[in-house]
Amino acid sequence: VNGVYDLVLNDYGPDSFQGSVHIEVPDTCNASELDKLIRAITLKVLAE
């Protein structure tokens, strides 16, 4: 991940957020690598 942009969080109550984000990645990434990366980011952000 080279950059993080457009982070949008929707507030569904205190300490309850869902949202979206854009990440900047090299143009050499393939679909399999992106899929693995996105899943890993989702889990880590949820956990932390």
ModelCIF file with pLDDT and N, C-alpha, C, O atoms, coordinates in Angstrom:
data_MODEL
#
_entry.id   MODEL 
#
_entity.id                         1 
_entity.type                       polymer 
_entity.pdbx_number_of_molecules   1 
#
_entity_poly.entity_id                      1 
_entity_poly.type                           'polypeptide(L)' 
_entity_poly.nstd_linkage                   no 
_entity_poly.nstd_monomer                   no 
_entity_poly.pdbx_seq_one_letter_code       VNGVYDLVLNDYGPDSFQGSVHIEVPDTCNASELDKLIRAITLKVLAE 
_entity_poly.pdbx_seq_one_letter_code_can   VNGVYDLVLNDYGPDSFQGSVHIEVPDTCNASELDKLIRAITLKVLAE 
_entity_poly.pdbx_strand_id                 A 
#
loop_
_entity_poly_seq.entity_id 
_entity_poly_seq.num 
_entity_poly_seq.mon_id 
_entity_poly_seq.hetero 
1 1  VAL n 
1 2  ASN n 
1 3  GLY n 
1 4  VAL n 
1 5  TYR n 
1 6  ASP n 
1 7  LEU n 
1 8  VAL n 
1 9  LEU n 
1 10 ASN n 
1 11 ASP n 
1 12 TYR n 
1 13 GLY n 
1 14 PRO n 
1 15 ASP n 
1 16 SER n 
1 17 PHE n 
1 18 GLN n 
1 19 GLY n 
1 20 SER n 
1 21 VAL n 
1 22 HIS n 
1 23 ILE n 
1 24 GLU n 
1 25 VAL n 
1 26 PRO n 
1 27 ASP n 
1 28 THR n 
1 29 CYS n 
1 30 ASN n 
1 31 ALA n 
1 32 SER n 
1 33 GLU n 
1 34 LEU n 
1 35 ASP n 
1 36 LYS n 
1 37 LEU n 
1 38 ILE n 
1 39 ARG n 
1 40 ALA n 
1 41 ILE n 
1 42 THR n 
1 43 LEU n 
1 44 LYS n 
1 45 VAL n 
1 46 LEU n 
1 47 ALA n 
1 48 GLU n 
#
_struct_asym.id          A 
_struct_asym.entity_id   1 
#
loop_
_ma_qa_metric.id 
_ma_qa_metric.mode 
_ma_qa_metric.name 
_ma_qa_metric.software_group_id 
_ma_qa_metric.type 
1 global pLDDT . pLDDT 
2 local  pLDDT . pLDDT 
#
_ma_qa_metric_global.metric_id      1 
_ma_qa_metric_global.metric_value   90.04 
_ma_qa_metric_global.model_id       1 
_ma_qa_metric_global.ordinal_id     1 
#
loop_
_ma_qa_metric_local.label_asym_id 
_ma_qa_metric_local.label_comp_id 
_ma_qa_metric_local.label_seq_id 
_ma_qa_metric_local.metric_id 
_ma_qa_metric_local.metric_value 
_ma_qa_metric_local.model_id 
_ma_qa_metric_local.ordinal_id 
A VAL 1  2 95.00 1 1  
A ASN 2  2 91.00 1 2  
A GLY 3  2 90.00 1 3  
A VAL 4  2 92.00 1 4  
A TYR 5  2 91.00 1 5  
A ASP 6  2 89.00 1 6  
A LEU 7  2 90.00 1 7  
A VAL 8  2 88.00 1 8  
A LEU 9  2 87.00 1 9  
A ASN 10 2 84.00 1 10 
A ASP 11 2 81.00 1 11 
A TYR 12 2 79.00 1 12 
A GLY 13 2 74.00 1 13 
A PRO 14 2 68.00 1 14 
A ASP 15 2 67.00 1 15 
A SER 16 2 77.00 1 16 
A PHE 17 2 84.00 1 17 
A GLN 18 2 87.00 1 18 
A GLY 19 2 89.00 1 19 
A SER 20 2 92.00 1 20 
A VAL 21 2 93.00 1 21 
A HIS 22 2 94.00 1 22 
A ILE 23 2 95.00 1 23 
A GLU 24 2 94.00 1 24 
A VAL 25 2 94.00 1 25 
A PRO 26 2 93.00 1 26 
A ASP 27 2 90.00 1 27 
A THR 28 2 90.00 1 28 
A CYS 29 2 90.00 1 29 
A ASN 30 2 91.00 1 30 
A ALA 31 2 92.00 1 31 
A SER 32 2 94.00 1 32 
A GLU 33 2 94.00 1 33 
A LEU 34 2 94.00 1 34 
A ASP 35 2 95.00 1 35 
A LYS 36 2 95.00 1 36 
A LEU 37 2 96.00 1 37 
A ILE 38 2 96.00 1 38 
A ARG 39 2 96.00 1 39 
A ALA 40 2 96.00 1 40 
A ILE 41 2 96.00 1 41 
A THR 42 2 96.00 1 42 
A LEU 43 2 96.00 1 43 
A LYS 44 2 96.00 1 44 
A VAL 45 2 95.00 1 45 
A LEU 46 2 92.00 1 46 
A ALA 47 2 92.00 1 47 
A GLU 48 2 92.00 1 48 
#
loop_
_atom_site.group_PDB 
_atom_site.id 
_atom_site.type_symbol 
_atom_site.label_atom_id 
_atom_site.label_alt_id 
_atom_site.label_comp_id 
_atom_site.label_asym_id 
_atom_site.label_entity_id 
_atom_site.label_seq_id 
_atom_site.pdbx_PDB_ins_code 
_atom_site.Cartn_x 
_atom_site.Cartn_y 
_atom_site.Cartn_z 
_atom_site.occupancy 
_atom_site.B_iso_or_equiv 
_atom_site.pdbx_formal_charge 
_atom_site.auth_seq_id 
_atom_site.auth_comp_id 
_atom_site.auth_asym_id 
_atom_site.auth_atom_id 
_atom_site.pdbx_PDB_model_num 
ATOM 1   N N  . VAL A 1 1  ? 0.838   -1.200  0.000   1.00 95.00 ? 1  VAL A N  1 
ATOM 2   C CA . VAL A 1 1  ? 0.000   0.000   0.000   1.00 95.00 ? 1  VAL A CA 1 
ATOM 3   C C  . VAL A 1 1  ? 0.877   1.256   0.000   1.00 95.00 ? 1  VAL A C  1 
ATOM 4   O O  . VAL A 1 1  ? 1.660   1.481   0.923   1.00 95.00 ? 1  VAL A O  1 
ATOM 5   N N  . ASN A 1 2  ? 0.731   2.066   -1.049  1.00 91.00 ? 2  ASN A N  1 
ATOM 6   C CA . ASN A 1 2  ? 1.510   3.303   -1.171  1.00 91.00 ? 2  ASN A CA 1 
ATOM 7   C C  . ASN A 1 2  ? 0.779   4.516   -0.596  1.00 91.00 ? 2  ASN A C  1 
ATOM 8   O O  . ASN A 1 2  ? 1.412   5.508   -0.234  1.00 91.00 ? 2  ASN A O  1 
ATOM 9   N N  . GLY A 1 3  ? -0.537  4.440   -0.511  1.00 90.00 ? 3  GLY A N  1 
ATOM 10  C CA . GLY A 1 3  ? -1.309  5.569   -0.008  1.00 90.00 ? 3  GLY A CA 1 
ATOM 11  C C  . GLY A 1 3  ? -2.703  5.137   0.412   1.00 90.00 ? 3  GLY A C  1 
ATOM 12  O O  . GLY A 1 3  ? -3.233  4.139   -0.077  1.00 90.00 ? 3  GLY A O  1 
ATOM 13  N N  . VAL A 1 4  ? -3.297  5.908   1.336   1.00 92.00 ? 4  VAL A N  1 
ATOM 14  C CA . VAL A 1 4  ? -4.656  5.642   1.816   1.00 92.00 ? 4  VAL A CA 1 
ATOM 15  C C  . VAL A 1 4  ? -5.475  6.914   1.641   1.00 92.00 ? 4  VAL A C  1 
ATOM 16  O O  . VAL A 1 4  ? -5.087  7.980   2.120   1.00 92.00 ? 4  VAL A O  1 
ATOM 17  N N  . TYR A 1 5  ? -6.614  6.799   0.952   1.00 91.00 ? 5  TYR A N  1 
ATOM 18  C CA . TYR A 1 5  ? -7.411  7.982   0.634   1.00 91.00 ? 5  TYR A CA 1 
ATOM 19  C C  . TYR A 1 5  ? -8.907  7.688   0.773   1.00 91.00 ? 5  TYR A C  1 
ATOM 20  O O  . TYR A 1 5  ? -9.335  6.537   0.858   1.00 91.00 ? 5  TYR A O  1 
ATOM 21  N N  . ASP A 1 6  ? -9.687  8.782   0.791   1.00 89.00 ? 6  ASP A N  1 
ATOM 22  C CA . ASP A 1 6  ? -11.159 8.688   0.739   1.00 89.00 ? 6  ASP A CA 1 
ATOM 23  C C  . ASP A 1 6  ? -11.737 7.803   1.842   1.00 89.00 ? 6  ASP A C  1 
ATOM 24  O O  . ASP A 1 6  ? -12.682 7.050   1.606   1.00 89.00 ? 6  ASP A O  1 
ATOM 25  N N  . LEU A 1 7  ? -11.174 7.892   3.038   1.00 90.00 ? 7  LEU A N  1 
ATOM 26  C CA . LEU A 1 7  ? -11.728 7.113   4.146   1.00 90.00 ? 7  LEU A CA 1 
ATOM 27  C C  . LEU A 1 7  ? -13.066 7.710   4.570   1.00 90.00 ? 7  LEU A C  1 
ATOM 28  O O  . LEU A 1 7  ? -13.134 8.868   4.984   1.00 90.00 ? 7  LEU A O  1 
ATOM 29  N N  . VAL A 1 8  ? -14.111 6.924   4.466   1.00 88.00 ? 8  VAL A N  1 
ATOM 30  C CA . VAL A 1 8  ? -15.450 7.356   4.846   1.00 88.00 ? 8  VAL A CA 1 
ATOM 31  C C  . VAL A 1 8  ? -15.982 6.379   5.888   1.00 88.00 ? 8  VAL A C  1 
ATOM 32  O O  . VAL A 1 8  ? -16.018 5.172   5.651   1.00 88.00 ? 8  VAL A O  1 
ATOM 33  N N  . LEU A 1 9  ? -16.395 6.903   7.044   1.00 87.00 ? 9  LEU A N  1 
ATOM 34  C CA . LEU A 1 9  ? -16.962 6.060   8.094   1.00 87.00 ? 9  LEU A CA 1 
ATOM 35  C C  . LEU A 1 9  ? -18.405 6.473   8.357   1.00 87.00 ? 9  LEU A C  1 
ATOM 36  O O  . LEU A 1 9  ? -18.690 7.653   8.561   1.00 87.00 ? 9  LEU A O  1 
ATOM 37  N N  . ASN A 1 10 ? -19.302 5.514   8.352   1.00 84.00 ? 10 ASN A N  1 
ATOM 38  C CA . ASN A 1 10 ? -20.702 5.750   8.675   1.00 84.00 ? 10 ASN A CA 1 
ATOM 39  C C  . ASN A 1 10 ? -20.942 5.346   10.126  1.00 84.00 ? 10 ASN A C  1 
ATOM 40  O O  . ASN A 1 10 ? -20.643 4.225   10.538  1.00 84.00 ? 10 ASN A O  1 
ATOM 41  N N  . ASP A 1 11 ? -21.490 6.291   10.887  1.00 81.00 ? 11 ASP A N  1 
ATOM 42  C CA . ASP A 1 11 ? -21.698 6.114   12.316  1.00 81.00 ? 11 ASP A CA 1 
ATOM 43  C C  . ASP A 1 11 ? -23.054 5.458   12.566  1.00 81.00 ? 11 ASP A C  1 
ATOM 44  O O  . ASP A 1 11 ? -24.097 6.049   12.291  1.00 81.00 ? 11 ASP A O  1 
ATOM 45  N N  . TYR A 1 12 ? -23.031 4.228   13.091  1.00 79.00 ? 12 TYR A N  1 
ATOM 46  C CA . TYR A 1 12 ? -24.271 3.526   13.413  1.00 79.00 ? 12 TYR A CA 1 
ATOM 47  C C  . TYR A 1 12 ? -24.490 3.432   14.928  1.00 79.00 ? 12 TYR A C  1 
ATOM 48  O O  . TYR A 1 12 ? -25.150 2.520   15.428  1.00 79.00 ? 12 TYR A O  1 
ATOM 49  N N  . GLY A 1 13 ? -23.917 4.399   15.630  1.00 74.00 ? 13 GLY A N  1 
ATOM 50  C CA . GLY A 1 13 ? -24.016 4.419   17.082  1.00 74.00 ? 13 GLY A CA 1 
ATOM 51  C C  . GLY A 1 13 ? -22.626 4.517   17.672  1.00 74.00 ? 13 GLY A C  1 
ATOM 52  O O  . GLY A 1 13 ? -21.639 4.298   16.970  1.00 74.00 ? 13 GLY A O  1 
ATOM 53  N N  . PRO A 1 14 ? -22.530 4.848   18.974  1.00 68.00 ? 14 PRO A N  1 
ATOM 54  C CA . PRO A 1 14 ? -21.217 4.948   19.625  1.00 68.00 ? 14 PRO A CA 1 
ATOM 55  C C  . PRO A 1 14 ? -20.366 3.700   19.425  1.00 68.00 ? 14 PRO A C  1 
ATOM 56  O O  . PRO A 1 14 ? -20.801 2.583   19.707  1.00 68.00 ? 14 PRO A O  1 
ATOM 57  N N  . ASP A 1 15 ? -19.156 3.907   18.937  1.00 67.00 ? 15 ASP A N  1 
ATOM 58  C CA . ASP A 1 15 ? -18.197 2.818   18.729  1.00 67.00 ? 15 ASP A CA 1 
ATOM 59  C C  . ASP A 1 15 ? -18.722 1.755   17.759  1.00 67.00 ? 15 ASP A C  1 
ATOM 60  O O  . ASP A 1 15 ? -18.392 0.575   17.880  1.00 67.00 ? 15 ASP A O  1 
ATOM 61  N N  . SER A 1 16 ? -19.541 2.186   16.796  1.00 77.00 ? 16 SER A N  1 
ATOM 62  C CA . SER A 1 16 ? -20.064 1.257   15.789  1.00 77.00 ? 16 SER A CA 1 
ATOM 63  C C  . SER A 1 16 ? -19.959 1.921   14.425  1.00 77.00 ? 16 SER A C  1 
ATOM 64  O O  . SER A 1 16 ? -20.822 2.707   14.035  1.00 77.00 ? 16 SER A O  1 
ATOM 65  N N  . PHE A 1 17 ? -18.889 1.596   13.705  1.00 84.00 ? 17 PHE A N  1 
ATOM 66  C CA . PHE A 1 17 ? -18.625 2.237   12.426  1.00 84.00 ? 17 PHE A CA 1 
ATOM 67  C C  . PHE A 1 17 ? -18.483 1.209   11.307  1.00 84.00 ? 17 PHE A C  1 
ATOM 68  O O  . PHE A 1 17 ? -17.927 0.127   11.498  1.00 84.00 ? 17 PHE A O  1 
ATOM 69  N N  . GLN A 1 18 ? -18.998 1.576   10.137  1.00 87.00 ? 18 GLN A N  1 
ATOM 70  C CA . GLN A 1 18 ? -18.754 0.835   8.915   1.00 87.00 ? 18 GLN A CA 1 
ATOM 71  C C  . GLN A 1 18 ? -18.404 1.852   7.844   1.00 87.00 ? 18 GLN A C  1 
ATOM 72  O O  . GLN A 1 18 ? -18.899 2.978   7.866   1.00 87.00 ? 18 GLN A O  1 
ATOM 73  N N  . GLY A 1 19 ? -17.560 1.463   6.914   1.00 89.00 ? 19 GLY A N  1 
ATOM 74  C CA . GLY A 1 19 ? -17.174 2.447   5.913   1.00 89.00 ? 19 GLY A CA 1 
ATOM 75  C C  . GLY A 1 19 ? -16.405 1.870   4.755   1.00 89.00 ? 19 GLY A C  1 
ATOM 76  O O  . GLY A 1 19 ? -16.429 0.668   4.489   1.00 89.00 ? 19 GLY A O  1 
ATOM 77  N N  . SER A 1 20 ? -15.717 2.768   4.070   1.00 92.00 ? 20 SER A N  1 
ATOM 78  C CA . SER A 1 20 ? -14.964 2.389   2.871   1.00 92.00 ? 20 SER A CA 1 
ATOM 79  C C  . SER A 1 20 ? -13.692 3.216   2.789   1.00 92.00 ? 20 SER A C  1 
ATOM 80  O O  . SER A 1 20 ? -13.548 4.230   3.471   1.00 92.00 ? 20 SER A O  1 
ATOM 81  N N  . VAL A 1 21 ? -12.777 2.770   1.947   1.00 93.00 ? 21 VAL A N  1 
ATOM 82  C CA . VAL A 1 21 ? -11.502 3.463   1.787   1.00 93.00 ? 21 VAL A CA 1 
ATOM 83  C C  . VAL A 1 21 ? -10.913 3.106   0.426   1.00 93.00 ? 21 VAL A C  1 
ATOM 84  O O  . VAL A 1 21 ? -11.223 2.055   -0.135  1.00 93.00 ? 21 VAL A O  1 
ATOM 85  N N  . HIS A 1 22 ? -10.067 3.981   -0.097  1.00 94.00 ? 22 HIS A N  1 
ATOM 86  C CA . HIS A 1 22 ? -9.303  3.680   -1.307  1.00 94.00 ? 22 HIS A CA 1 
ATOM 87  C C  . HIS A 1 22 ? -7.836  3.491   -0.933  1.00 94.00 ? 22 HIS A C  1 
ATOM 88  O O  . HIS A 1 22 ? -7.289  4.244   -0.127  1.00 94.00 ? 22 HIS A O  1 
ATOM 89  N N  . ILE A 1 23 ? -7.220  2.504   -1.512  1.00 95.00 ? 23 ILE A N  1 
ATOM 90  C CA . ILE A 1 23 ? -5.783  2.299   -1.308  1.00 95.00 ? 23 ILE A CA 1 
ATOM 91  C C  . ILE A 1 23 ? -5.072  2.428   -2.651  1.00 95.00 ? 23 ILE A C  1 
ATOM 92  O O  . ILE A 1 23 ? -5.621  2.091   -3.700  1.00 95.00 ? 23 ILE A O  1 
ATOM 93  N N  . GLU A 1 24 ? -3.845  2.921   -2.592  1.00 94.00 ? 24 GLU A N  1 
ATOM 94  C CA . GLU A 1 24 ? -3.029  3.079   -3.800  1.00 94.00 ? 24 GLU A CA 1 
ATOM 95  C C  . GLU A 1 24 ? -1.990  1.966   -3.832  1.00 94.00 ? 24 GLU A C  1 
ATOM 96  O O  . GLU A 1 24 ? -1.196  1.816   -2.904  1.00 94.00 ? 24 GLU A O  1 
ATOM 97  N N  . VAL A 1 25 ? -2.006  1.193   -4.904  1.00 94.00 ? 25 VAL A N  1 
ATOM 98  C CA . VAL A 1 25 ? -1.096  0.045   -5.028  1.00 94.00 ? 25 VAL A CA 1 
ATOM 99  C C  . VAL A 1 25 ? -0.360  0.101   -6.363  1.00 94.00 ? 25 VAL A C  1 
ATOM 100 O O  . VAL A 1 25 ? -0.827  0.754   -7.297  1.00 94.00 ? 25 VAL A O  1 
ATOM 101 N N  . PRO A 1 26 ? 0.781   -0.573  -6.464  1.00 93.00 ? 26 PRO A N  1 
ATOM 102 C CA . PRO A 1 26 ? 1.532   -0.593  -7.727  1.00 93.00 ? 26 PRO A CA 1 
ATOM 103 C C  . PRO A 1 26 ? 0.708   -1.212  -8.862  1.00 93.00 ? 26 PRO A C  1 
ATOM 104 O O  . PRO A 1 26 ? -0.127  -2.086  -8.628  1.00 93.00 ? 26 PRO A O  1 
ATOM 105 N N  . ASP A 1 27 ? 0.951   -0.751  -10.088 1.00 90.00 ? 27 ASP A N  1 
ATOM 106 C CA . ASP A 1 27 ? 0.223   -1.282  -11.241 1.00 90.00 ? 27 ASP A CA 1 
ATOM 107 C C  . ASP A 1 27 ? 0.670   -2.686  -11.633 1.00 90.00 ? 27 ASP A C  1 
ATOM 108 O O  . ASP A 1 27 ? 0.174   -3.252  -12.608 1.00 90.00 ? 27 ASP A O  1 
ATOM 109 N N  . THR A 1 28 ? 1.597   -3.239  -10.881 1.00 90.00 ? 28 THR A N  1 
ATOM 110 C CA . THR A 1 28 ? 2.072   -4.602  -11.158 1.00 90.00 ? 28 THR A CA 1 
ATOM 111 C C  . THR A 1 28 ? 1.288   -5.655  -10.369 1.00 90.00 ? 28 THR A C  1 
ATOM 112 O O  . THR A 1 28 ? 1.485   -6.853  -10.570 1.00 90.00 ? 28 THR A O  1 
ATOM 113 N N  . CYS A 1 29 ? 0.387   -5.206  -9.461  1.00 90.00 ? 29 CYS A N  1 
ATOM 114 C CA . CYS A 1 29 ? -0.384  -6.155  -8.651  1.00 90.00 ? 29 CYS A CA 1 
ATOM 115 C C  . CYS A 1 29 ? -1.387  -6.922  -9.523  1.00 90.00 ? 29 CYS A C  1 
ATOM 116 O O  . CYS A 1 29 ? -2.027  -6.348  -10.404 1.00 90.00 ? 29 CYS A O  1 
ATOM 117 N N  . ASN A 1 30 ? -1.508  -8.225  -9.262  1.00 91.00 ? 30 ASN A N  1 
ATOM 118 C CA . ASN A 1 30 ? -2.537  -8.993  -9.971  1.00 91.00 ? 30 ASN A CA 1 
ATOM 119 C C  . ASN A 1 30 ? -3.762  -9.172  -9.079  1.00 91.00 ? 30 ASN A C  1 
ATOM 120 O O  . ASN A 1 30 ? -3.739  -8.805  -7.904  1.00 91.00 ? 30 ASN A O  1 
ATOM 121 N N  . ALA A 1 31 ? -4.817  -9.728  -9.631  1.00 92.00 ? 31 ALA A N  1 
ATOM 122 C CA . ALA A 1 31 ? -6.083  -9.857  -8.915  1.00 92.00 ? 31 ALA A CA 1 
ATOM 123 C C  . ALA A 1 31 ? -5.951  -10.702 -7.657  1.00 92.00 ? 31 ALA A C  1 
ATOM 124 O O  . ALA A 1 31 ? -6.562  -10.394 -6.634  1.00 92.00 ? 31 ALA A O  1 
ATOM 125 N N  . SER A 1 32 ? -5.163  -11.755 -7.725  1.00 94.00 ? 32 SER A N  1 
ATOM 126 C CA . SER A 1 32 ? -4.995  -12.640 -6.577  1.00 94.00 ? 32 SER A CA 1 
ATOM 127 C C  . SER A 1 32 ? -4.306  -11.915 -5.425  1.00 94.00 ? 32 SER A C  1 
ATOM 128 O O  . SER A 1 32 ? -4.695  -12.063 -4.266  1.00 94.00 ? 32 SER A O  1 
ATOM 129 N N  . GLU A 1 33 ? -3.288  -11.137 -5.752  1.00 94.00 ? 33 GLU A N  1 
ATOM 130 C CA . GLU A 1 33 ? -2.571  -10.382 -4.728  1.00 94.00 ? 33 GLU A CA 1 
ATOM 131 C C  . GLU A 1 33 ? -3.468  -9.323  -4.087  1.00 94.00 ? 33 GLU A C  1 
ATOM 132 O O  . GLU A 1 33 ? -3.429  -9.110  -2.875  1.00 94.00 ? 33 GLU A O  1 
ATOM 133 N N  . LEU A 1 34 ? -4.274  -8.664  -4.921  1.00 94.00 ? 34 LEU A N  1 
ATOM 134 C CA . LEU A 1 34 ? -5.186  -7.651  -4.406  1.00 94.00 ? 34 LEU A CA 1 
ATOM 135 C C  . LEU A 1 34 ? -6.239  -8.256  -3.485  1.00 94.00 ? 34 LEU A C  1 
ATOM 136 O O  . LEU A 1 34 ? -6.556  -7.694  -2.437  1.00 94.00 ? 34 LEU A O  1 
ATOM 137 N N  . ASP A 1 35 ? -6.771  -9.392  -3.881  1.00 95.00 ? 35 ASP A N  1 
ATOM 138 C CA . ASP A 1 35 ? -7.783  -10.064 -3.072  1.00 95.00 ? 35 ASP A CA 1 
ATOM 139 C C  . ASP A 1 35 ? -7.221  -10.417 -1.695  1.00 95.00 ? 35 ASP A C  1 
ATOM 140 O O  . ASP A 1 35 ? -7.874  -10.199 -0.674  1.00 95.00 ? 35 ASP A O  1 
ATOM 141 N N  . LYS A 1 36 ? -6.030  -10.951 -1.678  1.00 95.00 ? 36 LYS A N  1 
ATOM 142 C CA . LYS A 1 36 ? -5.385  -11.320 -0.420  1.00 95.00 ? 36 LYS A CA 1 
ATOM 143 C C  . LYS A 1 36 ? -5.112  -10.087 0.438   1.00 95.00 ? 36 LYS A C  1 
ATOM 144 O O  . LYS A 1 36 ? -5.308  -10.111 1.653   1.00 95.00 ? 36 LYS A O  1 
ATOM 145 N N  . LEU A 1 37 ? -4.660  -9.016  -0.202  1.00 96.00 ? 37 LEU A N  1 
ATOM 146 C CA . LEU A 1 37 ? -4.343  -7.779  0.511   1.00 96.00 ? 37 LEU A CA 1 
ATOM 147 C C  . LEU A 1 37 ? -5.597  -7.159  1.130   1.00 96.00 ? 37 LEU A C  1 
ATOM 148 O O  . LEU A 1 37 ? -5.589  -6.766  2.296   1.00 96.00 ? 37 LEU A O  1 
ATOM 149 N N  . ILE A 1 38 ? -6.664  -7.074  0.352   1.00 96.00 ? 38 ILE A N  1 
ATOM 150 C CA . ILE A 1 38 ? -7.902  -6.452  0.824   1.00 96.00 ? 38 ILE A CA 1 
ATOM 151 C C  . ILE A 1 38 ? -8.491  -7.218  2.008   1.00 96.00 ? 38 ILE A C  1 
ATOM 152 O O  . ILE A 1 38 ? -8.959  -6.613  2.973   1.00 96.00 ? 38 ILE A O  1 
ATOM 153 N N  . ARG A 1 39 ? -8.466  -8.544  1.930   1.00 96.00 ? 39 ARG A N  1 
ATOM 154 C CA . ARG A 1 39 ? -8.978  -9.347  3.035   1.00 96.00 ? 39 ARG A CA 1 
ATOM 155 C C  . ARG A 1 39 ? -8.150  -9.132  4.304   1.00 96.00 ? 39 ARG A C  1 
ATOM 156 O O  . ARG A 1 39 ? -8.694  -9.019  5.403   1.00 96.00 ? 39 ARG A O  1 
ATOM 157 N N  . ALA A 1 40 ? -6.832  -9.077  4.135   1.00 96.00 ? 40 ALA A N  1 
ATOM 158 C CA . ALA A 1 40 ? -5.944  -8.884  5.283   1.00 96.00 ? 40 ALA A CA 1 
ATOM 159 C C  . ALA A 1 40 ? -6.170  -7.507  5.932   1.00 96.00 ? 40 ALA A C  1 
ATOM 160 O O  . ALA A 1 40 ? -6.191  -7.392  7.157   1.00 96.00 ? 40 ALA A O  1 
ATOM 161 N N  . ILE A 1 41 ? -6.339  -6.467  5.104   1.00 96.00 ? 41 ILE A N  1 
ATOM 162 C CA . ILE A 1 41 ? -6.592  -5.117  5.624   1.00 96.00 ? 41 ILE A CA 1 
ATOM 163 C C  . ILE A 1 41 ? -7.911  -5.076  6.392   1.00 96.00 ? 41 ILE A C  1 
ATOM 164 O O  . ILE A 1 41 ? -7.983  -4.505  7.480   1.00 96.00 ? 41 ILE A O  1 
ATOM 165 N N  . THR A 1 42 ? -8.948  -5.681  5.828   1.00 96.00 ? 42 THR A N  1 
ATOM 166 C CA . THR A 1 42 ? -10.265 -5.692  6.465   1.00 96.00 ? 42 THR A CA 1 
ATOM 167 C C  . THR A 1 42 ? -10.215 -6.314  7.857   1.00 96.00 ? 42 THR A C  1 
ATOM 168 O O  . THR A 1 42 ? -10.784 -5.773  8.805   1.00 96.00 ? 42 THR A O  1 
ATOM 169 N N  . LEU A 1 43 ? -9.539  -7.441  7.976   1.00 96.00 ? 43 LEU A N  1 
ATOM 170 C CA . LEU A 1 43 ? -9.451  -8.142  9.251   1.00 96.00 ? 43 LEU A CA 1 
ATOM 171 C C  . LEU A 1 43 ? -8.635  -7.362  10.274  1.00 96.00 ? 43 LEU A C  1 
ATOM 172 O O  . LEU A 1 43 ? -8.987  -7.317  11.453  1.00 96.00 ? 43 LEU A O  1 
ATOM 173 N N  . LYS A 1 44 ? -7.534  -6.745  9.818   1.00 96.00 ? 44 LYS A N  1 
ATOM 174 C CA . LYS A 1 44 ? -6.666  -6.029  10.750  1.00 96.00 ? 44 LYS A CA 1 
ATOM 175 C C  . LYS A 1 44 ? -7.338  -4.755  11.275  1.00 96.00 ? 44 LYS A C  1 
ATOM 176 O O  . LYS A 1 44 ? -7.235  -4.447  12.462  1.00 96.00 ? 44 LYS A O  1 
ATOM 177 N N  . VAL A 1 45 ? -8.016  -4.023  10.410  1.00 95.00 ? 45 VAL A N  1 
ATOM 178 C CA . VAL A 1 45 ? -8.707  -2.800  10.833  1.00 95.00 ? 45 VAL A CA 1 
ATOM 179 C C  . VAL A 1 45 ? -9.835  -3.144  11.805  1.00 95.00 ? 45 VAL A C  1 
ATOM 180 O O  . VAL A 1 45 ? -10.062 -2.422  12.776  1.00 95.00 ? 45 VAL A O  1 
ATOM 181 N N  . LEU A 1 46 ? -10.535 -4.238  11.547  1.00 92.00 ? 46 LEU A N  1 
ATOM 182 C CA . LEU A 1 46 ? -11.609 -4.658  12.446  1.00 92.00 ? 46 LEU A CA 1 
ATOM 183 C C  . LEU A 1 46 ? -11.058 -5.036  13.816  1.00 92.00 ? 46 LEU A C  1 
ATOM 184 O O  . LEU A 1 46 ? -11.626 -4.668  14.844  1.00 92.00 ? 46 LEU A O  1 
ATOM 185 N N  . ALA A 1 47 ? -9.953  -5.768  13.824  1.00 92.00 ? 47 ALA A N  1 
ATOM 186 C CA . ALA A 1 47 ? -9.360  -6.234  15.082  1.00 92.00 ? 47 ALA A CA 1 
ATOM 187 C C  . ALA A 1 47 ? -8.792  -5.085  15.907  1.00 92.00 ? 47 ALA A C  1 
ATOM 188 O O  . ALA A 1 47 ? -8.922  -5.079  17.131  1.00 92.00 ? 47 ALA A O  1 
ATOM 189 N N  . GLU A 1 48 ? -8.164  -4.113  15.246  1.00 92.00 ? 48 GLU A N  1 
ATOM 190 C CA . GLU A 1 48 ? -7.471  -3.048  15.973  1.00 92.00 ? 48 GLU A CA 1 
ATOM 191 C C  . GLU A 1 48 ? -8.321  -1.812  16.238  1.00 92.00 ? 48 GLU A C  1 
ATOM 192 O O  . GLU A 1 48 ? -7.843  -0.852  16.842  1.00 92.00 ? 48 GLU A O  1 
#
